[in-house]
Amino acid sequence: MRDHTKLRAFELADEVAILTYQMTSEFPKNEVYGLTSQMRRAAVSVPSNIVEGCARESLADYLRFLNIAFGSLRELHYQFSLSNRLNYLCKKDSSLVEAKIIETEKVLNGLIRSLRKT
């Protein structure tokens, strides 16, 4: 079993989840069951799938869960882009979360690529 707490990808994904909750708390109330809920589910899915993958014994299972996490992260990236275009985020918040998501994508993708080589 792998220790997810030692992975930079997990640390970043956890930060993205917290940022997502903080930023969506300011979204319009009519989005509570729409975009807010969808974004929060996607944000929690990323670190959750990293944790679940780390608990798997086989490399194939580990990679499968990391790929699911990456897919959720890409989904969240689009949702933040949409939120920005809907003017739900201020420019400062948008730039902050965009940079954090891109960094997380790079680190998680790097982890996936390195594991595929083994």
Protein backbone atom coordinates (compact mmCIF):
# COMPACT_ATOMS: atom_id res chain seq x y z
CA MET A 1 0.00 0.00 0.00
CA ARG A 2 1.24 3.46 -0.92
CA ASP A 3 1.14 6.51 1.34
CA HIS A 4 -0.91 9.20 -0.41
CA THR A 5 0.25 11.87 2.06
CA LYS A 6 3.74 11.69 0.56
CA LEU A 7 2.53 12.56 -2.94
CA ARG A 8 2.77 16.13 -4.17
CA ALA A 9 -0.14 15.37 -6.50
CA PHE A 10 -2.33 14.61 -3.47
CA GLU A 11 -1.25 17.77 -1.62
CA LEU A 12 -2.09 19.93 -4.63
CA ALA A 13 -5.40 18.13 -5.26
CA ASP A 14 -6.35 18.70 -1.63
CA GLU A 15 -5.56 22.41 -1.98
CA VAL A 16 -7.70 22.58 -5.13
CA ALA A 17 -10.60 20.95 -3.28
CA ILE A 18 -10.38 23.50 -0.46
CA LEU A 19 -10.13 26.39 -2.93
CA THR A 20 -13.15 25.06 -4.79
CA TYR A 21 -15.28 25.00 -1.65
CA GLN A 22 -14.15 28.50 -0.70
CA MET A 23 -14.76 30.00 -4.11
CA THR A 24 -18.09 28.30 -4.82
CA SER A 25 -19.47 29.51 -1.49
CA GLU A 26 -19.77 32.93 -3.17
CA PHE A 27 -21.62 31.62 -6.24
CA PRO A 28 -25.25 32.68 -6.80
CA LYS A 29 -27.70 30.74 -4.63
CA ASN A 30 -29.53 29.49 -7.73
CA GLU A 31 -26.37 27.48 -8.57
CA VAL A 32 -26.40 25.47 -5.33
CA TYR A 33 -27.82 22.38 -7.05
CA GLY A 34 -26.15 23.13 -10.38
CA LEU A 35 -22.61 24.28 -11.00
CA THR A 36 -21.66 24.62 -7.31
CA SER A 37 -22.61 21.03 -6.54
CA GLN A 38 -20.98 19.67 -9.72
CA MET A 39 -17.73 21.52 -9.08
CA ARG A 40 -17.53 20.39 -5.48
CA ARG A 41 -18.10 16.76 -6.48
CA ALA A 42 -15.38 16.97 -9.14
CA ALA A 43 -12.99 18.72 -6.73
CA VAL A 44 -13.44 16.08 -4.02
CA SER A 45 -13.14 13.30 -6.59
CA VAL A 46 -9.55 14.24 -7.45
CA PRO A 47 -7.86 13.67 -4.06
CA SER A 48 -10.32 10.89 -3.21
CA ASN A 49 -9.32 8.87 -6.28
CA ILE A 50 -5.64 9.43 -5.55
CA VAL A 51 -6.21 8.07 -2.03
CA GLU A 52 -8.21 5.11 -3.29
CA GLY A 53 -5.60 4.33 -5.94
CA CYS A 54 -2.86 4.34 -3.33
CA ALA A 55 -4.79 1.71 -1.38
CA ARG A 56 -4.80 -0.68 -4.34
CA GLU A 57 -2.17 -3.38 -4.58
CA SER A 58 -1.68 -3.58 -8.34
CA LEU A 59 -0.02 -0.91 -10.45
CA ALA A 60 -2.82 -1.22 -13.02
CA ASP A 61 -5.47 -0.38 -10.40
CA TYR A 62 -3.33 2.46 -9.05
CA LEU A 63 -3.00 3.94 -12.55
CA ARG A 64 -6.72 3.51 -13.24
CA PHE A 65 -7.63 5.60 -10.19
CA LEU A 66 -4.99 8.22 -11.00
CA ASN A 67 -6.48 8.50 -14.49
CA ILE A 68 -9.95 8.94 -13.01
CA ALA A 69 -8.54 11.67 -10.75
CA PHE A 70 -6.98 13.37 -13.76
CA GLY A 71 -10.28 13.25 -15.64
CA SER A 72 -12.09 14.86 -12.71
CA LEU A 73 -9.42 17.54 -12.53
CA ARG A 74 -9.86 18.36 -16.22
CA GLU A 75 -13.62 18.50 -15.70
CA LEU A 76 -13.12 20.93 -12.81
CA HIS A 77 -10.77 23.03 -14.93
CA TYR A 78 -13.53 23.49 -17.51
CA GLN A 79 -16.09 24.28 -14.82
CA PHE A 80 -13.88 27.02 -13.39
CA SER A 81 -13.43 28.40 -16.90
CA LEU A 82 -17.21 28.44 -17.32
CA SER A 83 -17.66 30.08 -13.92
CA ASN A 84 -15.22 32.78 -14.91
CA ARG A 85 -17.10 33.47 -18.15
CA LEU A 86 -20.36 33.65 -16.18
CA ASN A 87 -18.69 36.28 -13.95
CA TYR A 88 -19.04 34.16 -10.82
CA LEU A 89 -15.37 34.73 -9.97
CA CYS A 90 -13.31 37.87 -9.64
CA LYS A 91 -10.17 38.07 -11.78
CA LYS A 92 -7.84 37.52 -8.79
CA ASP A 93 -9.67 34.34 -7.68
CA SER A 94 -9.83 33.08 -11.24
CA SER A 95 -6.07 33.51 -11.74
CA LEU A 96 -5.29 31.84 -8.41
CA VAL A 97 -7.38 28.75 -9.04
CA GLU A 98 -6.29 28.50 -12.69
CA ALA A 99 -2.62 28.42 -11.67
CA LYS A 100 -3.26 25.84 -8.94
CA ILE A 101 -5.24 23.56 -11.25
CA ILE A 102 -2.58 23.75 -13.99
CA GLU A 103 0.16 22.92 -11.48
CA THR A 104 -1.90 19.98 -10.19
CA GLU A 105 -2.52 18.73 -13.74
CA LYS A 106 1.20 18.84 -14.51
CA VAL A 107 2.22 17.03 -11.33
CA LEU A 108 -0.50 14.38 -11.59
CA ASN A 109 0.19 13.83 -15.29
CA GLY A 110 3.90 13.49 -14.51
CA LEU A 111 3.14 10.86 -11.87
CA ILE A 112 0.95 8.93 -14.30
CA ARG A 113 3.57 9.05 -17.06
CA SER A 114 6.36 7.92 -14.74
CA LEU A 115 4.28 4.98 -13.47
CA ARG A 116 3.43 3.91 -17.02
CA LYS A 117 7.13 3.54 -17.75
CA THR A 118 7.57 0.97 -14.98
